Amino acid sequence: MYEVGALVLYDKRGVYKIDSVGLPPVRGTTGDYYKLCAVFSNSNEIIYAPVDMTSSMRPLISGGEAAHYLELFSQLEPHVFLSGKTMELAAHYQGMLASRKVEDCLLLIKEIHVRQREMAQQKKQLGQVDIRYLKLAEKLICEEFAVALNTAPDLIRERLYAAAECKASA
């Protein structure tokens, strides 16, 4: 069980703070729920998650782990998924995110970034599926790393892509 005040990565939504544990203000519910408040949202988003269903959340990584992953990012070698079918591409990206592993999420970002570079050389742009999953993976990584390194998500995004560009131009 997570403590009140703990920060967690919730599902594919981002970083949330456990505000309280108890019965949610919803008629007909029983049992304890975590009241989760989005850390990086201006909308005051609140989610109620059953305490016994914690498979959709995990603790955040430490600052040392985040720094290690930032260094590792430029060295990651993604395997670009080649398929002309949108559903297969979406399933591939979904599978990478389903692991809830930081390295898989970084590989997804790197894979789409490589794909974007290759398409730009052909004077083409990323498709909607690529863009949607890139934004989702960036949100998850940048929010988690921002908390771990006590900085802003936008600064993490800049550091990721600076590292990727240095490797690409080398």
Protein backbone atom coordinates (compact mmCIF):
# COMPACT_ATOMS: atom_id res chain seq x y z
CA MET A 1 0.00 0.00 0.00
CA TYR A 2 1.22 3.47 -0.86
CA GLU A 3 1.45 6.21 1.74
CA VAL A 4 -0.52 9.44 1.56
CA GLY A 5 1.72 12.05 -0.07
CA ALA A 6 3.58 9.50 -2.22
CA LEU A 7 4.12 10.26 -5.89
CA VAL A 8 3.36 7.49 -8.36
CA LEU A 9 3.26 6.95 -12.09
CA TYR A 10 -0.37 6.10 -12.78
CA ASP A 11 -1.25 3.94 -15.77
CA LYS A 12 -0.46 5.82 -18.97
CA ARG A 13 -1.55 9.13 -17.50
CA GLY A 14 1.49 10.59 -15.77
CA VAL A 15 2.68 11.50 -12.28
CA TYR A 16 0.08 11.67 -9.52
CA LYS A 17 0.21 12.42 -5.82
CA ILE A 18 -1.72 10.22 -3.41
CA ASP A 19 -3.84 12.81 -1.68
CA SER A 20 -5.80 10.49 0.59
CA VAL A 21 -7.07 6.94 1.10
CA GLY A 22 -10.70 6.19 1.82
CA LEU A 23 -14.15 5.90 0.35
CA PRO A 24 -14.62 7.98 -2.84
CA PRO A 25 -17.56 10.39 -3.12
CA VAL A 26 -19.33 8.04 -5.53
CA ARG A 27 -22.56 6.32 -4.59
CA GLY A 28 -22.46 2.55 -4.36
CA THR A 29 -18.71 2.12 -4.01
CA THR A 30 -17.16 0.07 -1.26
CA GLY A 31 -13.62 -0.39 -0.07
CA ASP A 32 -10.70 1.97 0.11
CA TYR A 33 -9.56 4.03 -2.86
CA TYR A 34 -6.54 6.21 -3.48
CA LYS A 35 -7.44 9.77 -4.30
CA LEU A 36 -4.87 10.71 -6.94
CA CYS A 37 -4.18 14.29 -7.97
CA ALA A 38 -2.29 15.07 -11.17
CA VAL A 39 1.01 16.78 -10.40
CA PHE A 40 1.55 18.47 -13.79
CA SER A 41 -2.01 19.37 -14.73
CA ASN A 42 -3.73 22.71 -14.44
CA SER A 43 -7.15 21.06 -14.60
CA ASN A 44 -7.15 19.81 -10.99
CA GLU A 45 -7.73 16.31 -12.30
CA ILE A 46 -8.58 13.75 -9.63
CA ILE A 47 -8.72 9.99 -10.09
CA TYR A 48 -10.00 7.42 -7.62
CA ALA A 49 -8.18 4.08 -7.87
CA PRO A 50 -9.00 1.02 -5.76
CA VAL A 51 -6.27 0.29 -3.21
CA ASP A 52 -6.29 -3.39 -4.15
CA MET A 53 -5.75 -2.62 -7.86
CA THR A 54 -2.25 -1.14 -7.73
CA SER A 55 -1.09 -2.89 -10.91
CA SER A 56 -1.84 0.33 -12.79
CA MET A 57 0.64 2.37 -10.74
CA ARG A 58 4.24 2.17 -9.68
CA PRO A 59 6.63 4.23 -7.55
CA LEU A 60 8.74 6.81 -9.34
CA ILE A 61 12.39 6.21 -10.09
CA SER A 62 15.09 7.98 -8.09
CA GLY A 63 17.15 10.95 -9.24
CA GLY A 64 20.16 8.69 -9.74
CA GLU A 65 18.14 6.32 -11.91
CA ALA A 66 16.77 9.21 -13.96
CA ALA A 67 20.28 10.59 -14.53
CA HIS A 68 21.44 7.12 -15.57
CA TYR A 69 18.58 6.76 -18.04
CA LEU A 70 19.29 10.20 -19.52
CA GLU A 71 22.86 9.09 -20.20
CA LEU A 72 21.65 5.77 -21.55
CA PHE A 73 19.14 7.37 -23.93
CA SER A 74 21.73 8.39 -26.53
CA GLN A 75 23.11 4.83 -26.57
CA LEU A 76 19.78 3.05 -27.00
CA GLU A 77 19.40 1.31 -30.33
CA PRO A 78 15.75 1.09 -31.26
CA HIS A 79 14.36 -1.46 -33.67
CA VAL A 80 12.11 0.57 -35.93
CA PHE A 81 8.86 -1.30 -36.47
CA LEU A 82 8.03 -1.50 -40.14
CA SER A 83 4.38 -1.92 -40.97
CA GLY A 84 2.07 -0.05 -43.25
CA LYS A 85 -0.90 -1.00 -41.10
CA THR A 86 -1.98 1.52 -38.53
CA MET A 87 -3.49 -1.08 -36.19
CA GLU A 88 -0.25 -3.10 -36.10
CA LEU A 89 1.79 0.03 -35.40
CA ALA A 90 -0.57 1.08 -32.60
CA ALA A 91 -0.44 -2.43 -31.09
CA HIS A 92 3.38 -2.35 -31.23
CA TYR A 93 3.54 1.00 -29.44
CA GLN A 94 0.87 -0.08 -26.95
CA GLY A 95 2.88 -3.20 -26.16
CA MET A 96 5.99 -1.15 -25.46
CA LEU A 97 4.11 1.09 -23.03
CA ALA A 98 2.30 -1.83 -21.38
CA SER A 99 5.52 -3.06 -19.76
CA ARG A 100 5.64 0.11 -17.61
CA LYS A 101 9.43 -0.07 -17.87
CA VAL A 102 11.34 3.18 -18.21
CA GLU A 103 13.73 1.70 -20.78
CA ASP A 104 10.85 0.54 -23.00
CA CYS A 105 9.30 3.99 -22.88
CA LEU A 106 12.65 5.56 -23.80
CA LEU A 107 13.04 3.07 -26.65
CA LEU A 108 9.60 4.06 -27.92
CA ILE A 109 10.58 7.74 -27.94
CA LYS A 110 13.85 6.93 -29.68
CA GLU A 111 12.14 4.64 -32.21
CA ILE A 112 9.64 7.29 -33.23
CA HIS A 113 12.36 9.95 -33.27
CA VAL A 114 14.44 7.81 -35.67
CA ARG A 115 11.34 7.19 -37.76
CA GLN A 116 10.66 10.93 -37.85
CA ARG A 117 14.20 11.66 -39.07
CA GLU A 118 13.94 9.02 -41.79
CA MET A 119 10.58 10.35 -42.95
CA ALA A 120 11.87 13.92 -42.99
CA GLN A 121 14.60 12.85 -45.40
CA GLN A 122 11.82 11.60 -47.68
CA LYS A 123 9.92 14.88 -47.20
CA LYS A 124 7.19 13.06 -45.26
CA GLN A 125 5.69 13.57 -41.81
CA LEU A 126 4.81 11.26 -38.98
CA GLY A 127 1.32 9.77 -38.92
CA GLN A 128 -1.24 10.37 -36.20
CA VAL A 129 -0.48 7.08 -34.41
CA ASP A 130 3.23 7.95 -34.21
CA ILE A 131 2.46 11.45 -32.93
CA ARG A 132 -0.06 10.23 -30.33
CA TYR A 133 2.29 7.61 -28.85
CA LEU A 134 5.30 9.91 -28.99
CA LYS A 135 3.43 12.55 -26.99
CA LEU A 136 2.25 9.96 -24.49
CA ALA A 137 5.71 8.45 -24.00
CA GLU A 138 7.26 11.93 -23.69
CA LYS A 139 4.67 12.92 -21.10
CA LEU A 140 5.32 9.83 -18.99
CA ILE A 141 9.11 10.08 -19.14
CA CYS A 142 9.37 13.84 -18.84
CA GLU A 143 7.01 14.06 -15.87
CA GLU A 144 8.70 11.21 -14.00
CA PHE A 145 12.23 12.47 -14.69
CA ALA A 146 11.21 16.04 -13.80
CA VAL A 147 10.11 14.92 -10.34
CA ALA A 148 13.17 12.70 -9.88
CA LEU A 149 15.58 15.45 -10.94
CA ASN A 150 13.61 18.35 -9.43
CA THR A 151 13.17 20.22 -12.69
CA ALA A 152 10.49 20.92 -15.32
CA PRO A 153 9.20 18.37 -17.85
CA ASP A 154 10.06 20.70 -20.75
CA LEU A 155 13.70 20.80 -19.64
CA ILE A 156 13.80 17.00 -19.56
CA ARG A 157 12.39 16.89 -23.10
CA GLU A 158 15.12 19.29 -24.25
CA ARG A 159 17.82 17.14 -22.61
CA LEU A 160 16.47 13.97 -24.23
CA TYR A 161 16.45 15.41 -27.72
CA ALA A 162 19.79 17.16 -27.28
CA ALA A 163 21.30 13.78 -26.41
CA ALA A 164 19.59 12.15 -29.39
CA GLU A 165 20.80 14.86 -31.77
CA CYS A 166 24.39 14.64 -30.52
CA LYS A 167 24.41 10.91 -31.23
CA ALA A 168 22.73 11.36 -34.64
CA SER A 169 25.26 13.95 -35.81
CA ALA A 170 28.26 11.99 -34.53
